[in-house]
Amino acid sequence: MNLLLSLSGALPALVGMFIVHWLDRRRPEPLRTLVRVAIFGALIAVPVIIVQLIMKAFGPDQPGYWNSFYTSYFVAGLVEESGKLAVIMLVAWRR
């Protein structure tokens, strides 16, 4: 059951990678670079989670609009997108 759950969590990412690879078929990126980006993209989740937990601990405590805005845009959006950008810049941009 856990294996099926894990595979279902990875399925959207795998489908997205297949679509991007198919759309880029005329001038494809090297497969090694794509695999490295996927691996480092998965590994960046650990530091991103740690930063998010720290930011959430020092963020606003009471429920309301400001807490929702802070959580959505700063804790989730800014940190996660920065992690993705870091992986692209450090792993794939120079290749």
PDB file of N, CA and C in Angstrom:
ATOM      1  N   MET A   1       0.813  -1.198   0.000  1.00  0.00           N
ATOM      2  CA  MET A   1       0.000   0.000   0.000  1.00  0.00           C
ATOM      3  C   MET A   1       0.856   1.261   0.000  1.00  0.00           C
ATOM      4  N   ASN A   2       1.924   1.279   0.818  1.00  0.00           N
ATOM      5  CA  ASN A   2       2.791   2.446   0.876  1.00  0.00           C
ATOM      6  C   ASN A   2       3.525   2.673  -0.440  1.00  0.00           C
ATOM      7  N   LEU A   3       3.905   1.603  -1.121  1.00  0.00           N
ATOM      8  CA  LEU A   3       4.572   1.737  -2.408  1.00  0.00           C
ATOM      9  C   LEU A   3       3.634   2.371  -3.424  1.00  0.00           C
ATOM     10  N   LEU A   4       2.392   1.950  -3.426  1.00  0.00           N
ATOM     11  CA  LEU A   4       1.404   2.522  -4.332  1.00  0.00           C
ATOM     12  C   LEU A   4       1.176   4.007  -4.030  1.00  0.00           C
ATOM     13  N   LEU A   5       1.131   4.359  -2.753  1.00  0.00           N
ATOM     14  CA  LEU A   5       0.973   5.752  -2.356  1.00  0.00           C
ATOM     15  C   LEU A   5       2.180   6.582  -2.793  1.00  0.00           C
ATOM     16  N   SER A   6       3.377   6.054  -2.627  1.00  0.00           N
ATOM     17  CA  SER A   6       4.587   6.766  -3.049  1.00  0.00           C
ATOM     18  C   SER A   6       4.617   6.975  -4.557  1.00  0.00           C
ATOM     19  N   LEU A   7       4.245   5.950  -5.291  1.00  0.00           N
ATOM     20  CA  LEU A   7       4.223   6.079  -6.746  1.00  0.00           C
ATOM     21  C   LEU A   7       3.173   7.077  -7.209  1.00  0.00           C
ATOM     22  N   SER A   8       2.043   7.118  -6.528  1.00  0.00           N
ATOM     23  CA  SER A   8       1.007   8.077  -6.915  1.00  0.00           C
ATOM     24  C   SER A   8       1.457   9.506  -6.623  1.00  0.00           C
ATOM     25  N   GLY A   9       2.296   9.702  -5.632  1.00  0.00           N
ATOM     26  CA  GLY A   9       2.832  11.030  -5.351  1.00  0.00           C
ATOM     27  C   GLY A   9       3.861  11.470  -6.382  1.00  0.00           C
ATOM     28  N   ALA A  10       4.604  10.526  -6.931  1.00  0.00           N
ATOM     29  CA  ALA A  10       5.622  10.835  -7.924  1.00  0.00           C
ATOM     30  C   ALA A  10       5.053  10.910  -9.336  1.00  0.00           C
ATOM     31  N   LEU A  11       3.875  10.394  -9.540  1.00  0.00           N
ATOM     32  CA  LEU A  11       3.292  10.332 -10.879  1.00  0.00           C
ATOM     33  C   LEU A  11       3.131  11.703 -11.545  1.00  0.00           C
ATOM     34  N   PRO A  12       2.605  12.725 -10.877  1.00  0.00           N
ATOM     35  CA  PRO A  12       2.486  14.028 -11.555  1.00  0.00           C
ATOM     36  C   PRO A  12       3.829  14.590 -12.012  1.00  0.00           C
ATOM     37  N   ALA A  13       4.857  14.429 -11.198  1.00  0.00           N
ATOM     38  CA  ALA A  13       6.181  14.917 -11.588  1.00  0.00           C
ATOM     39  C   ALA A  13       6.714  14.141 -12.791  1.00  0.00           C
ATOM     40  N   LEU A  14       6.523  12.843 -12.796  1.00  0.00           N
ATOM     41  CA  LEU A  14       6.995  12.038 -13.922  1.00  0.00           C
ATOM     42  C   LEU A  14       6.245  12.370 -15.209  1.00  0.00           C
ATOM     43  N   VAL A  15       4.951  12.586 -15.110  1.00  0.00           N
ATOM     44  CA  VAL A  15       4.164  12.966 -16.288  1.00  0.00           C
ATOM     45  C   VAL A  15       4.616  14.329 -16.793  1.00  0.00           C
ATOM     46  N   GLY A  16       4.832  15.257 -15.889  1.00  0.00           N
ATOM     47  CA  GLY A  16       5.324  16.583 -16.292  1.00  0.00           C
ATOM     48  C   GLY A  16       6.681  16.513 -16.962  1.00  0.00           C
ATOM     49  N   MET A  17       7.579  15.690 -16.429  1.00  0.00           N
ATOM     50  CA  MET A  17       8.898  15.535 -17.049  1.00  0.00           C
ATOM     51  C   MET A  17       8.774  14.922 -18.442  1.00  0.00           C
ATOM     52  N   PHE A  18       7.888  13.968 -18.602  1.00  0.00           N
ATOM     53  CA  PHE A  18       7.686  13.356 -19.913  1.00  0.00           C
ATOM     54  C   PHE A  18       7.155  14.380 -20.910  1.00  0.00           C
ATOM     55  N   ILE A  19       6.193  15.198 -20.488  1.00  0.00           N
ATOM     56  CA  ILE A  19       5.624  16.205 -21.389  1.00  0.00           C
ATOM     57  C   ILE A  19       6.677  17.215 -21.805  1.00  0.00           C
ATOM     58  N   VAL A  20       7.471  17.697 -20.863  1.00  0.00           N
ATOM     59  CA  VAL A  20       8.523  18.658 -21.200  1.00  0.00           C
ATOM     60  C   VAL A  20       9.548  18.025 -22.129  1.00  0.00           C
ATOM     61  N   HIS A  21       9.928  16.798 -21.854  1.00  0.00           N
ATOM     62  CA  HIS A  21      10.892  16.104 -22.719  1.00  0.00           C
ATOM     63  C   HIS A  21      10.317  15.914 -24.126  1.00  0.00           C
ATOM     64  N   TRP A  22       9.033  15.591 -24.222  1.00  0.00           N
ATOM     65  CA  TRP A  22       8.395  15.396 -25.522  1.00  0.00           C
ATOM     66  C   TRP A  22       8.291  16.717 -26.279  1.00  0.00           C
ATOM     67  N   LEU A  23       7.957  17.800 -25.594  1.00  0.00           N
ATOM     68  CA  LEU A  23       7.856  19.101 -26.254  1.00  0.00           C
ATOM     69  C   LEU A  23       9.221  19.619 -26.704  1.00  0.00           C
ATOM     70  N   ASP A  24      10.277  19.155 -26.059  1.00  0.00           N
ATOM     71  CA  ASP A  24      11.634  19.602 -26.367  1.00  0.00           C
ATOM     72  C   ASP A  24      12.354  18.599 -27.264  1.00  0.00           C
ATOM     73  N   ARG A  25      11.608  17.810 -28.032  1.00  0.00           N
ATOM     74  CA  ARG A  25      12.215  16.714 -28.794  1.00  0.00           C
ATOM     75  C   ARG A  25      13.077  17.183 -29.962  1.00  0.00           C
ATOM     76  N   ARG A  26      12.883  18.374 -30.470  1.00  0.00           N
ATOM     77  CA  ARG A  26      13.701  18.848 -31.598  1.00  0.00           C
ATOM     78  C   ARG A  26      15.119  19.208 -31.159  1.00  0.00           C
ATOM     79  N   ARG A  27      15.247  19.747 -29.967  1.00  0.00           N
ATOM     80  CA  ARG A  27      16.559  20.103 -29.422  1.00  0.00           C
ATOM     81  C   ARG A  27      16.598  19.696 -27.952  1.00  0.00           C
ATOM     82  N   PRO A  28      16.650  18.396 -27.693  1.00  0.00           N
ATOM     83  CA  PRO A  28      16.506  17.920 -26.307  1.00  0.00           C
ATOM     84  C   PRO A  28      17.722  18.233 -25.445  1.00  0.00           C
ATOM     85  N   GLU A  29      17.446  18.384 -24.174  1.00  0.00           N
ATOM     86  CA  GLU A  29      18.511  18.521 -23.187  1.00  0.00           C
ATOM     87  C   GLU A  29      19.142  17.142 -22.987  1.00  0.00           C
ATOM     88  N   PRO A  30      20.407  17.100 -22.579  1.00  0.00           N
ATOM     89  CA  PRO A  30      21.023  15.802 -22.294  1.00  0.00           C
ATOM     90  C   PRO A  30      20.281  15.084 -21.160  1.00  0.00           C
ATOM     91  N   LEU A  31      20.097  13.809 -21.315  1.00  0.00           N
ATOM     92  CA  LEU A  31      19.362  13.019 -20.326  1.00  0.00           C
ATOM     93  C   LEU A  31      20.034  13.093 -18.961  1.00  0.00           C
ATOM     94  N   ARG A  32      21.350  13.133 -18.944  1.00  0.00           N
ATOM     95  CA  ARG A  32      22.076  13.209 -17.668  1.00  0.00           C
ATOM     96  C   ARG A  32      21.713  14.492 -16.919  1.00  0.00           C
ATOM     97  N   THR A  33      21.597  15.594 -17.627  1.00  0.00           N
ATOM     98  CA  THR A  33      21.230  16.857 -16.990  1.00  0.00           C
ATOM     99  C   THR A  33      19.818  16.790 -16.429  1.00  0.00           C
ATOM    100  N   LEU A  34      18.894  16.198 -17.169  1.00  0.00           N
ATOM    101  CA  LEU A  34      17.521  16.067 -16.692  1.00  0.00           C
ATOM    102  C   LEU A  34      17.444  15.211 -15.430  1.00  0.00           C
ATOM    103  N   VAL A  35      18.208  14.127 -15.410  1.00  0.00           N
ATOM    104  CA  VAL A  35      18.205  13.248 -14.236  1.00  0.00           C
ATOM    105  C   VAL A  35      18.799  13.973 -13.041  1.00  0.00           C
ATOM    106  N   ARG A  36      19.884  14.710 -13.262  1.00  0.00           N
ATOM    107  CA  ARG A  36      20.501  15.472 -12.152  1.00  0.00           C
ATOM    108  C   ARG A  36      19.550  16.517 -11.592  1.00  0.00           C
ATOM    109  N   VAL A  37      18.836  17.220 -12.470  1.00  0.00           N
ATOM    110  CA  VAL A  37      17.871  18.222 -12.013  1.00  0.00           C
ATOM    111  C   VAL A  37      16.773  17.552 -11.198  1.00  0.00           C
ATOM    112  N   ALA A  38      16.289  16.395 -11.637  1.00  0.00           N
ATOM    113  CA  ALA A  38      15.238  15.688 -10.900  1.00  0.00           C
ATOM    114  C   ALA A  38      15.725  15.248  -9.520  1.00  0.00           C
ATOM    115  N   ILE A  39      16.935  14.719  -9.459  1.00  0.00           N
ATOM    116  CA  ILE A  39      17.476  14.250  -8.175  1.00  0.00           C
ATOM    117  C   ILE A  39      17.712  15.413  -7.225  1.00  0.00           C
ATOM    118  N   PHE A  40      18.381  16.460  -7.703  1.00  0.00           N
ATOM    119  CA  PHE A  40      18.637  17.610  -6.835  1.00  0.00           C
ATOM    120  C   PHE A  40      17.343  18.347  -6.485  1.00  0.00           C
ATOM    121  N   GLY A  41      16.364  18.315  -7.384  1.00  0.00           N
ATOM    122  CA  GLY A  41      15.064  18.904  -7.083  1.00  0.00           C
ATOM    123  C   GLY A  41      14.372  18.188  -5.941  1.00  0.00           C
ATOM    124  N   ALA A  42      14.536  16.870  -5.879  1.00  0.00           N
ATOM    125  CA  ALA A  42      13.964  16.111  -4.764  1.00  0.00           C
ATOM    126  C   ALA A  42      14.743  16.358  -3.476  1.00  0.00           C
ATOM    127  N   LEU A  43      16.057  16.479  -3.586  1.00  0.00           N
ATOM    128  CA  LEU A  43      16.884  16.682  -2.395  1.00  0.00           C
ATOM    129  C   LEU A  43      16.719  18.080  -1.795  1.00  0.00           C
ATOM    130  N   ILE A  44      16.379  19.069  -2.613  1.00  0.00           N
ATOM    131  CA  ILE A  44      16.225  20.427  -2.106  1.00  0.00           C
ATOM    132  C   ILE A  44      15.013  20.538  -1.190  1.00  0.00           C
ATOM    133  N   ALA A  45      14.139  19.539  -1.222  1.00  0.00           N
ATOM    134  CA  ALA A  45      12.932  19.578  -0.381  1.00  0.00           C
ATOM    135  C   ALA A  45      13.283  19.622   1.110  1.00  0.00           C
ATOM    136  N   VAL A  46      14.349  18.961   1.513  1.00  0.00           N
ATOM    137  CA  VAL A  46      14.709  18.928   2.937  1.00  0.00           C
ATOM    138  C   VAL A  46      15.091  20.318   3.451  1.00  0.00           C
ATOM    139  N   PRO A  47      16.031  21.039   2.802  1.00  0.00           N
ATOM    140  CA  PRO A  47      16.325  22.392   3.292  1.00  0.00           C
ATOM    141  C   PRO A  47      15.130  23.337   3.186  1.00  0.00           C
ATOM    142  N   VAL A  48      14.319  23.163   2.151  1.00  0.00           N
ATOM    143  CA  VAL A  48      13.139  24.020   1.993  1.00  0.00           C
ATOM    144  C   VAL A  48      12.170  23.806   3.156  1.00  0.00           C
ATOM    145  N   ILE A  49      11.953  22.568   3.548  1.00  0.00           N
ATOM    146  CA  ILE A  49      11.064  22.277   4.666  1.00  0.00           C
ATOM    147  C   ILE A  49      11.601  22.883   5.958  1.00  0.00           C
ATOM    148  N   ILE A  50      12.899  22.791   6.168  1.00  0.00           N
ATOM    149  CA  ILE A  50      13.503  23.361   7.377  1.00  0.00           C
ATOM    150  C   ILE A  50      13.316  24.873   7.411  1.00  0.00           C
ATOM    151  N   VAL A  51      13.584  25.539   6.296  1.00  0.00           N
ATOM    152  CA  VAL A  51      13.401  26.991   6.240  1.00  0.00           C
ATOM    153  C   VAL A  51      11.939  27.357   6.451  1.00  0.00           C
ATOM    154  N   GLN A  52      11.030  26.592   5.867  1.00  0.00           N
ATOM    155  CA  GLN A  52       9.596  26.862   6.045  1.00  0.00           C
ATOM    156  C   GLN A  52       9.176  26.711   7.498  1.00  0.00           C
ATOM    157  N   LEU A  53       9.670  25.701   8.179  1.00  0.00           N
ATOM    158  CA  LEU A  53       9.326  25.509   9.590  1.00  0.00           C
ATOM    159  C   LEU A  53       9.845  26.661  10.444  1.00  0.00           C
ATOM    160  N   ILE A  54      11.046  27.130  10.136  1.00  0.00           N
ATOM    161  CA  ILE A  54      11.607  28.265  10.880  1.00  0.00           C
ATOM    162  C   ILE A  54      10.783  29.521  10.622  1.00  0.00           C
ATOM    163  N   MET A  55      10.457  29.768   9.354  1.00  0.00           N
ATOM    164  CA  MET A  55       9.661  30.955   9.034  1.00  0.00           C
ATOM    165  C   MET A  55       8.273  30.884   9.651  1.00  0.00           C
ATOM    166  N   LYS A  56       7.681  29.716   9.680  1.00  0.00           N
ATOM    167  CA  LYS A  56       6.346  29.559  10.262  1.00  0.00           C
ATOM    168  C   LYS A  56       6.396  29.775  11.775  1.00  0.00           C
ATOM    169  N   ALA A  57       7.483  29.347  12.415  1.00  0.00           N
ATOM    170  CA  ALA A  57       7.612  29.518  13.866  1.00  0.00           C
ATOM    171  C   ALA A  57       7.717  30.992  14.252  1.00  0.00           C
ATOM    172  N   PHE A  58       8.342  31.798  13.410  1.00  0.00           N
ATOM    173  CA  PHE A  58       8.514  33.213  13.719  1.00  0.00           C
ATOM    174  C   PHE A  58       7.490  34.103  13.037  1.00  0.00           C
ATOM    175  N   GLY A  59       6.504  33.503  12.381  1.00  0.00           N
ATOM    176  CA  GLY A  59       5.475  34.265  11.681  1.00  0.00           C
ATOM    177  C   GLY A  59       4.335  34.663  12.600  1.00  0.00           C
ATOM    178  N   PRO A  60       3.302  35.262  12.034  1.00  0.00           N
ATOM    179  CA  PRO A  60       2.158  35.685  12.844  1.00  0.00           C
ATOM    180  C   PRO A  60       1.434  34.481  13.460  1.00  0.00           C
ATOM    181  N   ASP A  61       0.934  34.674  14.697  1.00  0.00           N
ATOM    182  CA  ASP A  61       0.303  33.571  15.424  1.00  0.00           C
ATOM    183  C   ASP A  61      -1.209  33.517  15.261  1.00  0.00           C
ATOM    184  N   GLN A  62      -1.855  34.666  15.228  1.00  0.00           N
ATOM    185  CA  GLN A  62      -3.320  34.659  15.198  1.00  0.00           C
ATOM    186  C   GLN A  62      -3.827  34.388  13.790  1.00  0.00           C
ATOM    187  N   PRO A  63      -4.948  33.670  13.688  1.00  0.00           N
ATOM    188  CA  PRO A  63      -5.531  33.410  12.365  1.00  0.00           C
ATOM    189  C   PRO A  63      -6.088  34.691  11.757  1.00  0.00           C
ATOM    190  N   GLY A  64      -6.078  34.737  10.456  1.00  0.00           N
ATOM    191  CA  GLY A  64      -6.606  35.903   9.769  1.00  0.00           C
ATOM    192  C   GLY A  64      -5.974  36.052   8.394  1.00  0.00           C
ATOM    193  N   TYR A  65      -6.279  37.190   7.784  1.00  0.00           N
ATOM    194  CA  TYR A  65      -5.791  37.421   6.426  1.00  0.00           C
ATOM    195  C   TYR A  65      -4.272  37.527   6.369  1.00  0.00           C
ATOM    196  N   TRP A  66      -3.681  38.244   7.302  1.00  0.00           N
ATOM    197  CA  TRP A  66      -2.233  38.420   7.269  1.00  0.00           C
ATOM    198  C   TRP A  66      -1.519  37.076   7.423  1.00  0.00           C
ATOM    199  N   ASN A  67      -2.005  36.211   8.294  1.00  0.00           N
ATOM    200  CA  ASN A  67      -1.397  34.895   8.474  1.00  0.00           C
ATOM    201  C   ASN A  67      -1.518  34.071   7.192  1.00  0.00           C
ATOM    202  N   SER A  68      -2.680  34.108   6.551  1.00  0.00           N
ATOM    203  CA  SER A  68      -2.867  33.376   5.294  1.00  0.00           C
ATOM    204  C   SER A  68      -1.964  33.930   4.200  1.00  0.00           C
ATOM    205  N   PHE A  69      -1.872  35.247   4.106  1.00  0.00           N
ATOM    206  CA  PHE A  69      -1.008  35.889   3.111  1.00  0.00           C
ATOM    207  C   PHE A  69       0.451  35.527   3.350  1.00  0.00           C
ATOM    208  N   TYR A  70       0.888  35.631   4.591  1.00  0.00           N
ATOM    209  CA  TYR A  70       2.272  35.313   4.955  1.00  0.00           C
ATOM    210  C   TYR A  70       2.604  33.858   4.631  1.00  0.00           C
ATOM    211  N   THR A  71       1.704  32.954   5.011  1.00  0.00           N
ATOM    212  CA  THR A  71       1.949  31.528   4.768  1.00  0.00           C
ATOM    213  C   THR A  71       1.951  31.207   3.278  1.00  0.00           C
ATOM    214  N   SER A  72       1.021  31.777   2.537  1.00  0.00           N
ATOM    215  CA  SER A  72       0.907  31.457   1.113  1.00  0.00           C
ATOM    216  C   SER A  72       2.043  32.029   0.284  1.00  0.00           C
ATOM    217  N   TYR A  73       2.351  33.295   0.500  1.00  0.00           N
ATOM    218  CA  TYR A  73       3.297  33.962  -0.375  1.00  0.00           C
ATOM    219  C   TYR A  73       4.743  33.887   0.097  1.00  0.00           C
ATOM    220  N   PHE A  74       4.966  33.952   1.387  1.00  0.00           N
ATOM    221  CA  PHE A  74       6.345  33.960   1.875  1.00  0.00           C
ATOM    222  C   PHE A  74       6.819  32.571   2.278  1.00  0.00           C
ATOM    223  N   VAL A  75       6.075  31.910   3.150  1.00  0.00           N
ATOM    224  CA  VAL A  75       6.517  30.597   3.637  1.00  0.00           C
ATOM    225  C   VAL A  75       6.492  29.566   2.515  1.00  0.00           C
ATOM    226  N   ALA A  76       5.394  29.470   1.788  1.00  0.00           N
ATOM    227  CA  ALA A  76       5.294  28.453   0.739  1.00  0.00           C
ATOM    228  C   ALA A  76       5.874  28.952  -0.576  1.00  0.00           C
ATOM    229  N   GLY A  77       5.342  30.029  -1.091  1.00  0.00           N
ATOM    230  CA  GLY A  77       5.712  30.481  -2.429  1.00  0.00           C
ATOM    231  C   GLY A  77       7.161  30.887  -2.576  1.00  0.00           C
ATOM    232  N   LEU A  78       7.597  31.830  -1.781  1.00  0.00           N
ATOM    233  CA  LEU A  78       8.950  32.370  -1.921  1.00  0.00           C
ATOM    234  C   LEU A  78      10.016  31.305  -1.670  1.00  0.00           C
ATOM    235  N   VAL A  79       9.848  30.546  -0.617  1.00  0.00           N
ATOM    236  CA  VAL A  79      10.866  29.548  -0.261  1.00  0.00           C
ATOM    237  C   VAL A  79      10.907  28.411  -1.276  1.00  0.00           C
ATOM    238  N   GLU A  80       9.751  27.892  -1.667  1.00  0.00           N
ATOM    239  CA  GLU A  80       9.739  26.768  -2.613  1.00  0.00           C
ATOM    240  C   GLU A  80      10.241  27.176  -3.988  1.00  0.00           C
ATOM    241  N   GLU A  81       9.803  28.315  -4.470  1.00  0.00           N
ATOM    242  CA  GLU A  81      10.252  28.760  -5.794  1.00  0.00           C
ATOM    243  C   GLU A  81      11.736  29.127  -5.781  1.00  0.00           C
ATOM    244  N   SER A  82      12.234  29.648  -4.681  1.00  0.00           N
ATOM    245  CA  SER A  82      13.666  29.934  -4.570  1.00  0.00           C
ATOM    246  C   SER A  82      14.479  28.644  -4.591  1.00  0.00           C
ATOM    247  N   GLY A  83      13.966  27.613  -3.955  1.00  0.00           N
ATOM    248  CA  GLY A  83      14.644  26.313  -3.984  1.00  0.00           C
ATOM    249  C   GLY A  83      14.701  25.741  -5.388  1.00  0.00           C
ATOM    250  N   LYS A  84      13.601  25.849  -6.126  1.00  0.00           N
ATOM    251  CA  LYS A  84      13.583  25.371  -7.510  1.00  0.00           C
ATOM    252  C   LYS A  84      14.548  26.164  -8.376  1.00  0.00           C
ATOM    253  N   LEU A  85      14.554  27.480  -8.205  1.00  0.00           N
ATOM    254  CA  LEU A  85      15.464  28.326  -8.976  1.00  0.00           C
ATOM    255  C   LEU A  85      16.917  28.001  -8.652  1.00  0.00           C
ATOM    256  N   ALA A  86      17.216  27.746  -7.398  1.00  0.00           N
ATOM    257  CA  ALA A  86      18.580  27.394  -7.009  1.00  0.00           C
ATOM    258  C   ALA A  86      19.031  26.111  -7.693  1.00  0.00           C
ATOM    259  N   VAL A  87      18.155  25.121  -7.765  1.00  0.00           N
ATOM    260  CA  VAL A  87      18.517  23.858  -8.421  1.00  0.00           C
ATOM    261  C   VAL A  87      18.777  24.107  -9.903  1.00  0.00           C
ATOM    262  N   ILE A  88      17.913  24.845 -10.558  1.00  0.00           N
ATOM    263  CA  ILE A  88      18.093  25.114 -11.993  1.00  0.00           C
ATOM    264  C   ILE A  88      19.388  25.890 -12.230  1.00  0.00           C
ATOM    265  N   MET A  89      19.621  26.916 -11.420  1.00  0.00           N
ATOM    266  CA  MET A  89      20.823  27.734 -11.613  1.00  0.00           C
ATOM    267  C   MET A  89      22.112  26.960 -11.323  1.00  0.00           C
ATOM    268  N   LEU A  90      22.112  26.157 -10.299  1.00  0.00           N
ATOM    269  CA  LEU A  90      23.332  25.452  -9.907  1.00  0.00           C
ATOM    270  C   LEU A  90      23.580  24.171 -10.699  1.00  0.00           C
ATOM    271  N   VAL A  91      22.536  23.510 -11.147  1.00  0.00           N
ATOM    272  CA  VAL A  91      22.709  22.210 -11.806  1.00  0.00           C
ATOM    273  C   VAL A  91      22.649  22.320 -13.320  1.00  0.00           C
ATOM    274  N   ALA A  92      21.694  23.048 -13.857  1.00  0.00           N
ATOM    275  CA  ALA A  92      21.449  22.991 -15.297  1.00  0.00           C
ATOM    276  C   ALA A  92      21.855  24.243 -16.067  1.00  0.00           C
ATOM    277  N   TRP A  93      21.893  25.389 -15.441  1.00  0.00           N
ATOM    278  CA  TRP A  93      22.066  26.646 -16.187  1.00  0.00           C
ATOM    279  C   TRP A  93      23.407  26.699 -16.929  1.00  0.00           C
ATOM    280  N   ARG A  94      24.464  26.261 -16.309  1.00  0.00           N
ATOM    281  CA  ARG A  94      25.794  26.334 -16.931  1.00  0.00           C
ATOM    282  C   ARG A  94      26.017  25.261 -17.984  1.00  0.00           C
ATOM    283  N   ARG A  95      25.162  24.267 -18.047  1.00  0.00           N
ATOM    284  CA  ARG A  95      25.341  23.196 -19.023  1.00  0.00           C
ATOM    285  C   ARG A  95      24.581  23.556 -20.267  1.00  0.00           C
TER     286      ARG A  95
END
